C-alpha atoms as a PDB file:
ATOM      1  CA  MET A   1       0.000   0.000   0.000  1.00  0.00           C
ATOM      2  CA  GLY A   2       1.208   3.447  -0.862  1.00  0.00           C
ATOM      3  CA  PRO A   3       1.242   6.509   1.348  1.00  0.00           C
ATOM      4  CA  LYS A   4      -2.077   7.905   2.443  1.00  0.00           C
ATOM      5  CA  ARG A   5      -3.097  11.082   0.684  1.00  0.00           C
ATOM      6  CA  ARG A   6      -5.015  13.711   2.552  1.00  0.00           C
ATOM      7  CA  LYS A   7      -8.000  15.498   1.212  1.00  0.00           C
ATOM      8  CA  HIS A   8      -7.185  17.908  -1.632  1.00  0.00           C
ATOM      9  CA  ILE A   9      -6.810  21.573  -0.804  1.00  0.00           C
ATOM     10  CA  PRO A  10      -9.912  23.523  -1.908  1.00  0.00           C
ATOM     11  CA  GLU A  11      -9.264  25.706  -4.969  1.00  0.00           C
ATOM     12  CA  GLU A  12     -10.245  28.910  -3.125  1.00  0.00           C
ATOM     13  CA  ALA A  13      -7.669  28.255  -0.405  1.00  0.00           C
ATOM     14  CA  LEU A  14      -5.018  27.012  -2.832  1.00  0.00           C
ATOM     15  CA  ALA A  15      -4.652  30.456  -4.423  1.00  0.00           C
ATOM     16  CA  PHE A  16      -3.992  32.022  -1.005  1.00  0.00           C
ATOM     17  CA  ILE A  17      -1.509  29.279  -0.084  1.00  0.00           C
ATOM     18  CA  HIS A  18       0.411  29.857  -3.311  1.00  0.00           C
ATOM     19  CA  GLN A  19       0.490  33.562  -2.538  1.00  0.00           C
ATOM     20  CA  VAL A  20       1.805  32.841   0.987  1.00  0.00           C
ATOM     21  CA  ALA A  21       4.629  30.712  -0.460  1.00  0.00           C
ATOM     22  CA  CYS A  22       5.466  33.486  -2.940  1.00  0.00           C
ATOM     23  CA  ILE A  23       5.598  36.134  -0.210  1.00  0.00           C
ATOM     24  CA  HIS A  24       7.832  33.889   1.896  1.00  0.00           C
ATOM     25  CA  MET A  25      10.245  33.613  -1.035  1.00  0.00           C
ATOM     26  CA  ASN A  26      10.249  37.396  -1.460  1.00  0.00           C
ATOM     27  CA  LEU A  27      10.840  37.871   2.258  1.00  0.00           C
ATOM     28  CA  SER A  28      13.746  35.452   2.120  1.00  0.00           C
ATOM     29  CA  ASP A  29      15.394  37.643  -0.510  1.00  0.00           C
ATOM     30  CA  ALA A  30      14.632  40.805   1.446  1.00  0.00           C
ATOM     31  CA  TYR A  31      16.110  39.419   4.666  1.00  0.00           C
ATOM     32  CA  LEU A  32      19.160  38.256   2.740  1.00  0.00           C
ATOM     33  CA  TYR A  33      19.661  41.798   1.469  1.00  0.00           C
ATOM     34  CA  LEU A  34      19.323  43.123   5.030  1.00  0.00           C
ATOM     35  CA  THR A  35      22.080  40.710   6.007  1.00  0.00           C
ATOM     36  CA  TYR A  36      24.409  42.468   3.598  1.00  0.00           C
ATOM     37  CA  LEU A  37      23.436  45.881   4.962  1.00  0.00           C
ATOM     38  CA  TYR A  38      24.305  44.724   8.483  1.00  0.00           C
ATOM     39  CA  ASN A  39      27.603  43.154   7.487  1.00  0.00           C
ATOM     40  CA  ASP A  40      29.977  45.115   9.727  1.00  0.00           C
ATOM     41  CA  GLU A  41      31.583  43.732  12.862  1.00  0.00           C
ATOM     42  CA  LYS A  42      29.220  45.341  15.382  1.00  0.00           C
ATOM     43  CA  SER A  43      25.869  44.563  13.814  1.00  0.00           C
ATOM     44  CA  GLY A  44      26.877  41.203  12.382  1.00  0.00           C
ATOM     45  CA  PHE A  45      25.959  39.609  15.682  1.00  0.00           C
ATOM     46  CA  GLY A  46      22.678  41.384  16.423  1.00  0.00           C
ATOM     47  CA  PHE A  47      20.125  42.150  13.770  1.00  0.00           C
ATOM     48  CA  GLY A  48      22.504  41.047  10.998  1.00  0.00           C
ATOM     49  CA  ALA A  49      22.591  37.526  12.390  1.00  0.00           C
ATOM     50  CA  TYR A  50      18.824  37.631  12.939  1.00  0.00           C
ATOM     51  CA  SER A  51      18.174  38.654   9.330  1.00  0.00           C
ATOM     52  CA  ARG A  52      20.567  35.979   8.031  1.00  0.00           C
ATOM     53  CA  ASP A  53      18.692  33.340  10.024  1.00  0.00           C
ATOM     54  CA  LYS A  54      15.331  34.753   8.961  1.00  0.00           C
ATOM     55  CA  ALA A  55      16.318  34.524   5.273  1.00  0.00           C
ATOM     56  CA  THR A  56      16.991  30.820   5.725  1.00  0.00           C
ATOM     57  CA  VAL A  57      13.842  30.256   7.780  1.00  0.00           C
ATOM     58  CA  LYS A  58      11.573  32.077   5.333  1.00  0.00           C
ATOM     59  CA  TRP A  59      12.982  30.026   2.447  1.00  0.00           C
ATOM     60  CA  PHE A  60      12.415  26.856   4.505  1.00  0.00           C
ATOM     61  CA  TYR A  61       8.789  27.906   5.154  1.00  0.00           C
ATOM     62  CA  ALA A  62       8.246  28.439   1.423  1.00  0.00           C
ATOM     63  CA  LYS A  63       9.668  25.001   0.623  1.00  0.00           C
ATOM     64  CA  SER A  64       7.601  23.322   3.338  1.00  0.00           C
ATOM     65  CA  ILE A  65       4.427  25.039   2.086  1.00  0.00           C
ATOM     66  CA  LEU A  66       5.069  23.776  -1.437  1.00  0.00           C
ATOM     67  CA  LYS A  67       5.811  20.304  -0.075  1.00  0.00           C
ATOM     68  CA  CYS A  68       2.532  20.371   1.874  1.00  0.00           C
ATOM     69  CA  ILE A  69       0.631  21.300  -1.295  1.00  0.00           C
ATOM     70  CA  ILE A  70       2.136  18.330  -3.136  1.00  0.00           C
ATOM     71  CA  GLU A  71       1.497  15.938  -0.227  1.00  0.00           C
ATOM     72  CA  ARG A  72      -2.158  16.882  -0.201  1.00  0.00           C
ATOM     73  CA  GLY A  73      -2.397  15.999  -3.873  1.00  0.00           C
ATOM     74  CA  SER A  74      -2.708  19.495  -5.318  1.00  0.00           C
ATOM     75  CA  LYS A  75      -0.670  21.067  -8.067  1.00  0.00           C
ATOM     76  CA  VAL A  76       1.883  23.789  -7.307  1.00  0.00           C
ATOM     77  CA  CYS A  77       1.322  26.937  -9.355  1.00  0.00           C
ATOM     78  CA  ILE A  78       3.315  29.885  -8.014  1.00  0.00           C
ATOM     79  CA  PRO A  79       2.511  33.362  -9.312  1.00  0.00           C
ATOM     80  CA  GLU A  80       5.310  35.421 -10.822  1.00  0.00           C
ATOM     81  CA  ILE A  81       7.855  36.299  -8.171  1.00  0.00           C
ATOM     82  CA  GLN A  82       9.260  39.787  -8.415  1.00  0.00           C
ATOM     83  CA  ARG A  83      12.429  40.896  -6.729  1.00  0.00           C
ATOM     84  CA  PRO A  84      11.817  43.167  -3.732  1.00  0.00           C
ATOM     85  CA  GLU A  85      12.617  46.799  -4.543  1.00  0.00           C
ATOM     86  CA  ILE A  86      14.755  47.564  -1.525  1.00  0.00           C
ATOM     87  CA  ASP A  87      18.302  47.652  -2.871  1.00  0.00           C
ATOM     88  CA  THR A  88      18.496  51.417  -3.399  1.00  0.00           C
ATOM     89  CA  GLN A  89      17.487  52.448   0.099  1.00  0.00           C
ATOM     90  CA  GLY A  90      19.137  52.888   3.470  1.00  0.00           C
ATOM     91  CA  CYS A  91      18.811  50.645   6.517  1.00  0.00           C
ATOM     92  CA  ILE A  92      15.695  52.228   8.007  1.00  0.00           C
ATOM     93  CA  GLU A  93      13.858  52.259   4.682  1.00  0.00           C
ATOM     94  CA  CYS A  94      14.806  48.630   3.999  1.00  0.00           C
ATOM     95  CA  VAL A  95      13.669  47.408   7.390  1.00  0.00           C
ATOM     96  CA  THR A  96      10.424  49.369   6.930  1.00  0.00           C
ATOM     97  CA  ALA A  97       9.924  47.789   3.499  1.00  0.00           C
ATOM     98  CA  VAL A  98      10.459  44.326   4.985  1.00  0.00           C
ATOM     99  CA  LEU A  99       7.986  45.168   7.764  1.00  0.00           C
ATOM    100  CA  ASN A 100       5.423  46.157   5.131  1.00  0.00           C
ATOM    101  CA  MET A 101       6.025  42.851   3.343  1.00  0.00           C
ATOM    102  CA  GLU A 102       5.524  41.005   6.644  1.00  0.00           C
ATOM    103  CA  ARG A 103       2.270  42.889   7.201  1.00  0.00           C
ATOM    104  CA  GLU A 104       1.123  41.943   3.698  1.00  0.00           C
ATOM    105  CA  LEU A 105       1.854  38.309   4.552  1.00  0.00           C
ATOM    106  CA  THR A 106      -0.108  38.630   7.801  1.00  0.00           C
ATOM    107  CA  LYS A 107      -3.062  40.084   5.916  1.00  0.00           C
ATOM    108  CA  THR A 108      -2.963  37.236   3.393  1.00  0.00           C
ATOM    109  CA  LEU A 109      -2.763  34.664   6.192  1.00  0.00           C
ATOM    110  CA  LYS A 110      -5.735  36.204   7.971  1.00  0.00           C
ATOM    111  CA  ASN A 111      -7.738  36.074   4.730  1.00  0.00           C
ATOM    112  CA  LEU A 112      -6.731  32.410   4.337  1.00  0.00           C
ATOM    113  CA  TYR A 113      -7.751  31.737   7.935  1.00  0.00           C
ATOM    114  CA  GLU A 114     -11.187  33.291   7.382  1.00  0.00           C
ATOM    115  CA  LEU A 115     -11.678  31.351   4.163  1.00  0.00           C
ATOM    116  CA  ALA A 116     -10.590  28.069   5.775  1.00  0.00           C
ATOM    117  CA  SER A 117     -13.003  28.603   8.660  1.00  0.00           C
ATOM    118  CA  ASN A 118     -15.836  29.380   6.215  1.00  0.00           C
ATOM    119  CA  ILE A 119     -15.233  26.251   4.113  1.00  0.00           C
ATOM    120  CA  LYS A 120     -14.388  24.186   7.239  1.00  0.00           C
ATOM    121  CA  ASP A 121     -10.996  22.952   6.051  1.00  0.00           C
ATOM    122  CA  ARG A 122      -9.328  22.118   9.344  1.00  0.00           C
ATOM    123  CA  HIS A 123      -5.905  21.288   7.862  1.00  0.00           C
ATOM    124  CA  THR A 124      -5.653  24.693   6.222  1.00  0.00           C
ATOM    125  CA  LEU A 125      -7.077  26.329   9.335  1.00  0.00           C
ATOM    126  CA  ARG A 126      -4.342  24.809  11.517  1.00  0.00           C
ATOM    127  CA  PHE A 127      -1.685  25.725   8.945  1.00  0.00           C
ATOM    128  CA  ALA A 128      -2.810  29.382   8.827  1.00  0.00           C
ATOM    129  CA  ARG A 129      -3.098  29.620  12.627  1.00  0.00           C
ATOM    130  CA  GLU A 130       0.502  28.452  13.119  1.00  0.00           C
ATOM    131  CA  LEU A 131       1.864  30.902  10.568  1.00  0.00           C
ATOM    132  CA  ILE A 132      -0.131  33.840  11.972  1.00  0.00           C
ATOM    133  CA  HIS A 133       1.378  33.166  15.402  1.00  0.00           C
ATOM    134  CA  ARG A 134       4.890  33.269  13.922  1.00  0.00           C
ATOM    135  CA  GLN A 135       4.093  36.452  12.018  1.00  0.00           C
ATOM    136  CA  ARG A 136       3.337  38.420  15.170  1.00  0.00           C
ATOM    137  CA  ARG A 137       6.810  37.711  16.525  1.00  0.00           C
ATOM    138  CA  ASP A 138       8.474  38.641  13.226  1.00  0.00           C
ATOM    139  CA  GLU A 139       6.620  41.951  13.010  1.00  0.00           C
ATOM    140  CA  ASP A 140       7.420  42.818  16.627  1.00  0.00           C
ATOM    141  CA  ARG A 141      11.132  42.180  16.040  1.00  0.00           C
ATOM    142  CA  LEU A 142      11.166  44.450  12.985  1.00  0.00           C
ATOM    143  CA  ILE A 143       9.330  47.193  14.857  1.00  0.00           C
ATOM    144  CA  ARG A 144      11.925  47.040  17.654  1.00  0.00           C
ATOM    145  CA  GLU A 145      14.734  47.307  15.093  1.00  0.00           C
ATOM    146  CA  ILE A 146      13.094  50.328  13.438  1.00  0.00           C
ATOM    147  CA  ASP A 147      12.765  51.987  16.845  1.00  0.00           C
ATOM    148  CA  LYS A 148      16.427  51.303  17.515  1.00  0.00           C
ATOM    149  CA  LEU A 149      17.445  52.777  14.132  1.00  0.00           C
ATOM    150  CA  ASN A 150      15.314  55.907  14.612  1.00  0.00           C
ATOM    151  CA  PRO A 151      17.181  57.831  17.286  1.00  0.00           C
ATOM    152  CA  ARG A 152      15.116  60.437  19.046  1.00  0.00           C
ATOM    153  CA  ASP A 153      16.473  63.899  18.673  1.00  0.00           C
ATOM    154  CA  GLU A 154      17.945  65.363  21.832  1.00  0.00           C
ATOM    155  CA  GLU A 155      16.042  68.570  21.103  1.00  0.00           C
ATOM    156  CA  GLU A 156      12.733  66.699  21.275  1.00  0.00           C
ATOM    157  CA  GLU A 157      13.732  65.152  24.592  1.00  0.00           C
ATOM    158  CA  ASP A 158      14.794  68.569  25.936  1.00  0.00           C
ATOM    159  CA  GLU A 159      11.446  70.046  24.881  1.00  0.00           C
ATOM    160  CA  GLU A 160       9.606  67.228  26.640  1.00  0.00           C
ATOM    161  CA  ILE A 161      11.640  67.804  29.789  1.00  0.00           C
ATOM    162  CA  LYS A 162      10.911  71.552  29.648  1.00  0.00           C
ATOM    163  CA  LEU A 163       7.182  70.880  29.293  1.00  0.00           C
ATOM    164  CA  LEU A 164       7.249  68.496  32.235  1.00  0.00           C
ATOM    165  CA  ARG A 165       9.112  71.017  34.396  1.00  0.00           C
ATOM    166  CA  GLU A 166       6.622  73.750  33.429  1.00  0.00           C
ATOM    167  CA  GLN A 167       3.859  71.447  34.642  1.00  0.00           C
ATOM    168  CA  GLY A 168       5.631  71.078  37.982  1.00  0.00           C
ATOM    169  CA  VAL A 169       6.972  67.572  37.449  1.00  0.00           C
ATOM    170  CA  GLU A 170      10.454  66.876  38.777  1.00  0.00           C
ATOM    171  CA  VAL A 171      12.675  65.260  36.161  1.00  0.00           C
ATOM    172  CA  TYR A 172      15.759  63.316  37.147  1.00  0.00           C
ATOM    173  CA  GLN A 173      18.298  62.422  34.490  1.00  0.00           C
ATOM    174  CA  GLU A 174      20.749  60.441  36.502  1.00  0.00           C
ATOM    175  CA  VAL A 175      21.891  56.990  35.550  1.00  0.00           C
ATOM    176  CA  ILE A 176      20.824  54.295  37.955  1.00  0.00           C
ATOM    177  CA  PRO A 177      23.361  51.466  38.095  1.00  0.00           C
ATOM    178  CA  ARG A 178      22.098  47.939  37.641  1.00  0.00           C
ATOM    179  CA  LYS A 179      22.524  45.530  40.481  1.00  0.00           C
ATOM    180  CA  MET A 180      24.886  42.700  39.827  1.00  0.00           C
ATOM    181  CA  PRO A 181      23.298  39.266  40.016  1.00  0.00           C
ATOM    182  CA  ARG A 182      24.296  37.035  42.875  1.00  0.00           C
ATOM    183  CA  ARG A 183      26.450  34.055  42.146  1.00  0.00           C
END
C-alpha cells in the first residue's frame, strides 16, 4: 500500500496558499539583502545575524508550504515572483519595506484563515493559525529594530523635559546602576 493522501486543498484556499509561499520567497530575498546591509563587525551579531537566520527560515517555510501542497495531492502553481525593490534604500527604509512585506503576509494569512473557517478545512485552518502566530513575533522584532534605528532627537527630549518642568513635574536624568546578580 502506498502513502495515504489527505483530502485535496480547496481551490479557493489554494490560491492564497500559493500567494503565501510566494511572499515567503520574497521575504527570504529581502532578509538576505538586510544581512548584507548589516555586514559590519558590530551589527553582524545582532540584527545582521537575525536577518541571516530569517532569510533561511523564510525560504524553509516556502519550501515546506510547497511540499505540503504536493502531499495533499494538489498542483503547485506559483505566481510570478518579483524581486523586492529595496536595494536602493538605506537601513531604516529597507527594514520598513520588509515590515510592510511582513504585514502583507499577515493580511494574506488572515484572509486564508477566514476562508478556511468558512469552508471548514481544518488542515488549512491549523496551517494558517501556526503561521499567523509566527508572524506576530516577526513583526514585533522588525518594529523594535526600526525603533532602535530611529534615534530620538535630543532637542525633542529637551522640549519634553521643559514641558514636564513647566507642569511642575520633577525630572531626574541620573543613571541608575544595575545591580549585579548574585552568584
